[in-house]
Amino acid sequence: MKEKATSFDIAYQAGVSQSTVSRALRNSPLVNEETRQKIQAIAKELNYKVDKNASNLRSQHCDTIALLLFEDPTNDDSAINPFFLSMLGSITRACADKGYDLLVSFQQASNDWHADFEDSNKADGLILLGYGDYVDYKEKLVKLSEQGTHFVRWGAEVKDLPIVSIGCDNFRGGKEITEHVIKQGKKHFAFLGSASRHAPEFFDRYKGHCQALKDHNLTINENAQVNAFYTEEAGYDAAVKLIASGEKFDAICAASDLIAIGALRALKEHNYSIPEQVAVVGFDDIAIASFTFPPLTTVKQDTKLAGELLVSTLLESIDGKETSTTLISPELAIRKSCGC
């Protein structure tokens, strides 16, 4: 007796994932028309019949959202960038307000297990939080999108992919914080942080920084841009490298508060007076920023609003509504580290 065809048989012939087959047979709008027709034609040819009971079970919401974090190097055991800790609290509250449970886990870069959360009914959708290397991360986003998983991410706008993001207007933030330091009379700027597509948030901040220098007819010294990723140690090492380079600088714009805090330590160890000799500013306004010495001038990202938008946008997607990327306006948190 010939074995009954399965959705995996259809997936194999169509060259797609099993979850895409399931969505196509449900006429989900998340599968494009050409792929849907192809899958349905193969299903008809194989005399495949949908198991209505199983289909109904899969279509039920579990009222749970999965929050997947990147693991970051930290000085404690949390492995969570402190900027995202405050956002985690906001997301938790927003989920509770909407009657949803929140399942928190770390992303695993080595496989695609995170793409199966929705289909295994563990969660109705995903929130992706953290940075990581975007060049590697992009492939994961493409796979999630192709599978039709409901998800929204925190980060820079992805212009070349149909992916919804909630993020800060990093270009504007980088421009405004640099303009503020220029007003303090500083003229020779260094930038600590990645300026490449591997870290689009940092890159946008650098572009805004450069635009401010151009607008005020100040020199953009590419030799004073030193790569650094996310941690205090990276900021410390970048500042030490800058000092050793012999480049002239009287201001440091750091791509994050953690990088700025590391730079503060390096400058003090090399007997620089802050902000008299060197102004230092960061980006994020993490909790510790107001307790550094001197307190750190930085760009504040509204983590409360961010959490609310991440949750509400994801729920709209789950409900089949049209969603779009949103950039949150930054604000300056003015303190003593830039001579204010």
Protein backbone atom coordinates (compact mmCIF):
# COMPACT_ATOMS: atom_id res chain seq x y z
CA MET A 1 0.00 0.00 0.00
CA LYS A 2 1.35 3.39 -1.01
CA GLU A 3 2.24 5.59 1.95
CA LYS A 4 0.20 8.73 2.48
CA ALA A 5 1.96 11.91 1.32
CA THR A 6 3.11 14.31 4.02
CA SER A 7 3.82 18.02 4.12
CA PHE A 8 7.52 17.13 4.20
CA ASP A 9 7.13 15.39 0.82
CA ILE A 10 5.62 18.57 -0.59
CA ALA A 11 8.37 20.69 0.96
CA TYR A 12 11.02 18.50 -0.66
CA GLN A 13 9.50 18.78 -4.12
CA ALA A 14 8.84 22.50 -3.80
CA GLY A 15 12.28 23.28 -2.38
CA VAL A 16 10.89 25.13 0.64
CA SER A 17 10.57 24.54 4.38
CA GLN A 18 7.77 22.45 5.86
CA SER A 19 6.45 25.51 7.69
CA THR A 20 6.14 27.37 4.37
CA VAL A 21 4.08 24.45 3.04
CA SER A 22 1.79 24.66 6.06
CA ARG A 23 1.25 28.37 5.53
CA ALA A 24 0.69 28.01 1.79
CA LEU A 25 -1.97 25.34 2.34
CA ARG A 26 -3.69 27.72 4.78
CA ASN A 27 -3.59 30.45 2.09
CA SER A 28 -1.46 32.57 4.39
CA PRO A 29 -0.64 36.03 2.96
CA LEU A 30 2.87 35.54 4.35
CA VAL A 31 3.65 33.24 1.40
CA ASN A 32 3.91 34.93 -2.00
CA GLU A 33 1.35 34.00 -4.65
CA GLU A 34 3.75 32.15 -6.96
CA THR A 35 5.10 29.94 -4.17
CA ARG A 36 1.62 29.31 -2.80
CA GLN A 37 0.29 28.14 -6.18
CA LYS A 38 3.31 25.91 -6.71
CA ILE A 39 2.89 24.25 -3.32
CA GLN A 40 -0.84 23.78 -3.74
CA ALA A 41 -0.32 22.23 -7.19
CA ILE A 42 2.18 19.72 -5.76
CA ALA A 43 -0.21 18.93 -2.91
CA LYS A 44 -3.00 18.23 -5.40
CA GLU A 45 -0.71 16.04 -7.49
CA LEU A 46 0.28 14.00 -4.42
CA ASN A 47 -3.37 13.82 -3.30
CA TYR A 48 -2.35 15.41 -0.02
CA LYS A 49 -5.16 16.07 2.46
CA VAL A 50 -4.78 18.55 5.32
CA ASP A 51 -5.36 17.10 8.76
CA LYS A 52 -8.04 19.51 9.95
CA ASN A 53 -7.59 18.70 13.62
CA ALA A 54 -3.84 19.27 13.48
CA SER A 55 -4.35 22.41 11.42
CA ASN A 56 -6.78 23.85 13.94
CA LEU A 57 -4.39 23.06 16.75
CA ARG A 58 -1.51 24.83 15.00
CA SER A 59 -3.63 27.89 14.23
CA GLN A 60 -4.44 28.50 17.89
CA HIS A 61 -2.57 31.30 19.61
CA CYS A 62 -0.62 30.39 22.71
CA ASP A 63 -0.60 34.03 23.96
CA THR A 64 3.17 33.92 24.36
CA ILE A 65 5.88 36.06 22.80
CA ALA A 66 9.47 34.83 22.59
CA LEU A 67 12.22 37.36 23.22
CA LEU A 68 15.56 36.19 21.80
CA LEU A 69 18.71 37.98 22.96
CA PHE A 70 22.25 37.99 21.67
CA GLU A 71 24.81 36.97 24.26
CA ASP A 72 27.22 39.85 24.85
CA PRO A 73 30.54 39.87 26.71
CA THR A 74 29.90 41.54 30.07
CA ASN A 75 31.68 42.10 33.36
CA ASP A 76 29.11 39.95 35.17
CA ASP A 77 27.31 36.69 34.47
CA SER A 78 24.29 38.24 32.73
CA ALA A 79 25.75 38.11 29.17
CA ILE A 80 23.27 40.91 28.41
CA ASN A 81 24.29 44.39 27.32
CA PRO A 82 23.07 46.73 30.13
CA PHE A 83 21.26 48.89 27.57
CA PHE A 84 18.96 45.97 26.82
CA LEU A 85 18.23 45.23 30.48
CA SER A 86 16.03 48.31 30.78
CA MET A 87 14.34 47.48 27.48
CA LEU A 88 13.71 43.95 28.75
CA GLY A 89 11.76 45.40 31.66
CA SER A 90 9.71 47.57 29.31
CA ILE A 91 8.93 44.63 27.01
CA THR A 92 7.86 42.52 30.00
CA ARG A 93 5.45 45.22 31.17
CA ALA A 94 4.07 45.76 27.67
CA CYS A 95 3.42 42.02 27.27
CA ALA A 96 1.64 41.89 30.64
CA ASP A 97 -0.52 44.85 29.63
CA LYS A 98 -1.57 42.97 26.48
CA GLY A 99 -2.22 39.71 28.35
CA TYR A 100 0.77 37.90 26.87
CA ASP A 101 3.43 35.80 28.57
CA LEU A 102 7.07 36.43 27.69
CA LEU A 103 9.52 33.62 27.00
CA VAL A 104 13.14 34.88 27.19
CA SER A 105 16.06 32.98 25.69
CA PHE A 106 19.42 33.58 24.06
CA GLN A 107 19.76 33.32 20.30
CA GLN A 108 21.82 30.40 19.08
CA ALA A 109 23.89 31.45 16.08
CA SER A 110 24.88 27.88 15.22
CA ASN A 111 21.50 26.63 14.01
CA ASP A 112 17.96 27.64 13.08
CA TRP A 113 16.10 26.49 16.18
CA HIS A 114 14.76 30.00 16.77
CA ALA A 115 12.89 29.85 13.45
CA ASP A 116 10.73 27.04 14.80
CA PHE A 117 9.29 28.84 17.84
CA GLU A 118 6.08 29.85 16.09
CA ASP A 119 5.47 26.60 14.23
CA SER A 120 6.01 24.48 17.34
CA ASN A 121 3.41 26.66 19.11
CA LYS A 122 5.96 27.80 21.71
CA ALA A 123 5.25 31.41 20.78
CA ASP A 124 3.00 33.42 18.50
CA GLY A 125 5.90 35.59 17.40
CA LEU A 126 9.46 36.69 18.12
CA ILE A 127 11.21 39.83 19.30
CA LEU A 128 14.90 39.90 18.39
CA LEU A 129 17.01 42.01 20.71
CA GLY A 130 20.73 42.71 20.64
CA TYR A 131 23.41 43.60 18.19
CA GLY A 132 25.68 40.87 16.88
CA ASP A 133 27.48 41.03 13.55
CA TYR A 134 24.86 42.16 11.05
CA VAL A 135 26.66 40.55 8.09
CA ASP A 136 26.12 37.15 9.75
CA TYR A 137 22.80 38.12 11.34
CA LYS A 138 21.25 39.15 8.01
CA GLU A 139 21.07 35.53 6.84
CA LYS A 140 19.00 34.64 9.92
CA LEU A 141 16.60 37.48 9.19
CA VAL A 142 16.16 36.30 5.61
CA LYS A 143 15.37 32.75 6.76
CA LEU A 144 12.84 34.00 9.31
CA SER A 145 11.17 36.14 6.67
CA GLU A 146 11.09 33.31 4.12
CA GLN A 147 9.56 30.98 6.67
CA GLY A 148 6.82 33.50 7.36
CA THR A 149 7.59 33.78 11.07
CA HIS A 150 6.04 36.76 12.80
CA PHE A 151 8.93 38.78 14.17
CA VAL A 152 10.15 42.30 14.84
CA ARG A 153 13.66 43.36 15.72
CA TRP A 154 15.36 46.19 17.56
CA GLY A 155 17.94 47.86 15.35
CA ALA A 156 18.71 49.98 12.34
CA GLU A 157 16.33 50.04 9.40
CA VAL A 158 16.95 47.19 6.94
CA LYS A 159 16.41 48.94 3.61
CA ASP A 160 17.24 46.01 1.36
CA LEU A 161 14.89 43.50 3.03
CA PRO A 162 11.13 43.49 3.82
CA ILE A 163 11.84 43.34 7.55
CA VAL A 164 10.19 45.47 10.24
CA SER A 165 12.46 47.07 12.81
CA ILE A 166 12.00 49.36 15.77
CA GLY A 167 15.08 51.46 16.43
CA CYS A 168 16.58 54.78 17.35
CA ASP A 169 17.29 57.47 14.78
CA ASN A 170 21.01 56.82 15.18
CA PHE A 171 22.08 59.26 12.46
CA ARG A 172 20.24 62.10 14.14
CA GLY A 173 21.58 61.13 17.56
CA GLY A 174 25.17 61.03 16.31
CA LYS A 175 24.75 64.38 14.60
CA GLU A 176 23.12 66.14 17.56
CA ILE A 177 25.60 64.95 20.19
CA THR A 178 28.52 66.02 17.98
CA GLU A 179 26.94 69.42 17.40
CA HIS A 180 26.57 69.86 21.14
CA VAL A 181 30.28 69.17 21.70
CA ILE A 182 31.21 71.56 18.89
CA LYS A 183 29.30 74.28 20.75
CA GLN A 184 31.62 73.69 23.71
CA GLY A 185 34.51 74.87 21.52
CA LYS A 186 36.02 71.49 20.61
CA LYS A 187 37.51 71.19 17.13
CA HIS A 188 39.55 67.97 16.85
CA PHE A 189 37.27 64.93 17.06
CA ALA A 190 37.91 61.22 17.45
CA PHE A 191 35.23 58.54 17.09
CA LEU A 192 35.45 55.23 18.94
CA GLY A 193 33.24 52.52 17.48
CA SER A 194 32.78 50.43 14.37
CA ALA A 195 32.11 52.34 11.16
CA SER A 196 31.08 49.49 8.87
CA ARG A 197 28.05 47.48 7.78
CA HIS A 198 28.92 44.86 10.39
CA ALA A 199 27.40 47.22 13.00
CA PRO A 200 24.79 49.41 11.24
CA GLU A 201 23.68 51.17 14.45
CA PHE A 202 27.22 52.35 15.15
CA PHE A 203 27.76 53.15 11.48
CA ASP A 204 24.71 55.44 11.40
CA ARG A 205 25.96 57.20 14.52
CA TYR A 206 29.32 57.72 12.83
CA LYS A 207 27.65 59.07 9.69
CA GLY A 208 25.67 61.56 11.77
CA HIS A 209 28.87 62.52 13.59
CA CYS A 210 30.64 63.17 10.29
CA GLN A 211 27.72 65.20 8.96
CA ALA A 212 27.90 67.50 11.97
CA LEU A 213 31.63 68.04 11.40
CA LYS A 214 31.00 68.81 7.72
CA ASP A 215 28.21 71.25 8.56
CA HIS A 216 30.60 73.18 10.84
CA ASN A 217 33.54 73.04 8.42
CA LEU A 218 35.60 70.85 10.76
CA THR A 219 38.03 68.17 9.58
CA ILE A 220 36.97 64.53 9.58
CA ASN A 221 40.13 62.74 10.64
CA GLU A 222 39.70 59.14 9.49
CA ASN A 223 42.86 58.20 11.40
CA ALA A 224 41.03 59.18 14.60
CA GLN A 225 38.23 56.69 14.02
CA VAL A 226 39.09 53.55 15.99
CA ASN A 227 36.98 50.39 15.83
CA ALA A 228 35.42 49.18 19.08
CA PHE A 229 32.51 46.83 19.77
CA TYR A 230 30.07 47.21 22.65
CA THR A 231 32.21 46.75 25.80
CA GLU A 232 34.14 48.89 28.30
CA GLU A 233 37.28 46.90 27.53
CA ALA A 234 36.90 47.61 23.82
CA GLY A 235 36.50 51.32 24.58
CA TYR A 236 39.58 51.27 26.81
CA ASP A 237 41.69 49.53 24.17
CA ALA A 238 40.46 51.88 21.43
CA ALA A 239 41.31 54.96 23.51
CA VAL A 240 44.78 53.61 24.31
CA LYS A 241 45.33 53.01 20.59
CA LEU A 242 44.15 56.54 19.81
CA ILE A 243 46.49 58.06 22.37
CA ALA A 244 49.42 55.99 21.07
CA SER A 245 48.71 57.08 17.49
CA GLY A 246 49.74 60.65 18.20
CA GLU A 247 46.64 62.03 16.44
CA LYS A 248 45.46 65.38 17.75
CA PHE A 249 42.09 65.26 19.53
CA ASP A 250 40.21 67.31 22.09
CA ALA A 251 36.91 65.40 21.90
CA ILE A 252 35.88 61.74 21.77
CA CYS A 253 32.47 60.69 20.50
CA ALA A 254 31.91 57.06 21.46
CA ALA A 255 29.39 54.82 19.70
CA SER A 256 28.03 53.61 23.05
CA ASP A 257 28.19 54.45 26.74
CA LEU A 258 30.18 51.31 27.51
CA ILE A 259 32.83 52.34 24.98
CA ALA A 260 32.84 55.87 26.43
CA ILE A 261 33.28 54.54 29.98
CA GLY A 262 36.28 52.49 28.86
CA ALA A 263 37.71 55.58 27.16
CA LEU A 264 37.30 57.63 30.35
CA ARG A 265 39.44 55.13 32.24
CA ALA A 266 42.14 55.14 29.58
CA LEU A 267 42.26 58.95 29.47
CA LYS A 268 42.58 59.21 33.25
CA GLU A 269 45.37 56.64 33.31
CA HIS A 270 47.22 58.78 30.75
CA ASN A 271 46.63 61.95 32.81
CA TYR A 272 44.17 63.68 30.51
CA SER A 273 41.86 66.18 32.18
CA ILE A 274 38.18 65.63 31.35
CA PRO A 275 36.53 67.72 29.94
CA GLU A 276 39.17 70.48 29.97
CA GLN A 277 41.61 68.68 27.66
CA VAL A 278 39.26 66.10 26.16
CA ALA A 279 35.46 66.05 26.08
CA VAL A 280 33.90 62.58 26.07
CA VAL A 281 30.34 61.68 25.07
CA GLY A 282 28.53 58.37 24.65
CA PHE A 283 25.29 56.93 23.27
CA ASP A 284 22.48 54.99 25.04
CA ASP A 285 22.18 56.60 28.50
CA ILE A 286 22.55 53.37 30.46
CA ALA A 287 22.01 53.61 34.22
CA ILE A 288 25.69 53.92 35.11
CA ALA A 289 26.23 56.89 32.73
CA SER A 290 25.18 59.44 35.35
CA PHE A 291 27.53 57.91 37.96
CA THR A 292 30.81 58.02 36.02
CA PHE A 293 33.39 60.66 36.94
CA PRO A 294 32.68 63.07 35.48
CA PRO A 295 29.06 62.12 34.70
CA LEU A 296 28.72 61.16 31.04
CA THR A 297 26.97 63.33 28.47
CA THR A 298 25.21 60.96 26.11
CA VAL A 299 22.29 60.27 23.78
CA LYS A 300 19.22 58.88 25.49
CA GLN A 301 17.20 56.18 23.76
CA ASP A 302 13.65 55.83 25.05
CA THR A 303 13.65 52.18 26.16
CA LYS A 304 10.11 52.41 27.58
CA LEU A 305 8.67 53.51 24.25
CA ALA A 306 10.90 51.01 22.46
CA GLY A 307 9.51 48.09 24.45
CA GLU A 308 5.94 49.21 23.89
CA LEU A 309 6.47 49.59 20.13
CA LEU A 310 8.22 46.23 19.80
CA VAL A 311 5.30 44.45 21.45
CA SER A 312 2.48 46.39 19.76
CA THR A 313 4.07 46.08 16.31
CA LEU A 314 4.58 42.33 16.71
CA LEU A 315 0.98 41.82 17.85
CA GLU A 316 -0.27 43.78 14.84
CA SER A 317 1.77 41.49 12.59
CA ILE A 318 0.34 38.40 14.31
CA ASP A 319 -3.16 39.81 13.71
CA GLY A 320 -2.39 40.13 10.00
CA LYS A 321 -2.14 43.93 9.97
CA GLU A 322 0.32 45.90 7.89
CA THR A 323 3.37 47.01 9.91
CA SER A 324 6.35 49.22 9.17
CA THR A 325 9.70 50.24 10.61
CA THR A 326 9.66 52.99 13.24
CA LEU A 327 12.61 55.14 14.30
CA ILE A 328 12.43 56.74 17.76
CA SER A 329 13.72 60.28 18.19
CA PRO A 330 16.81 60.51 20.45
CA GLU A 331 17.32 63.02 23.24
CA LEU A 332 20.53 64.46 24.66
CA ALA A 333 21.36 63.81 28.31
CA ILE A 334 23.70 66.71 29.16
CA ARG A 335 26.21 66.15 31.98
CA LYS A 336 29.77 67.15 32.91
CA SER A 337 31.97 65.06 30.60
CA CYS A 338 31.88 67.54 27.72
CA GLY A 339 32.32 70.78 29.68
CA CYS A 340 28.64 71.66 30.00
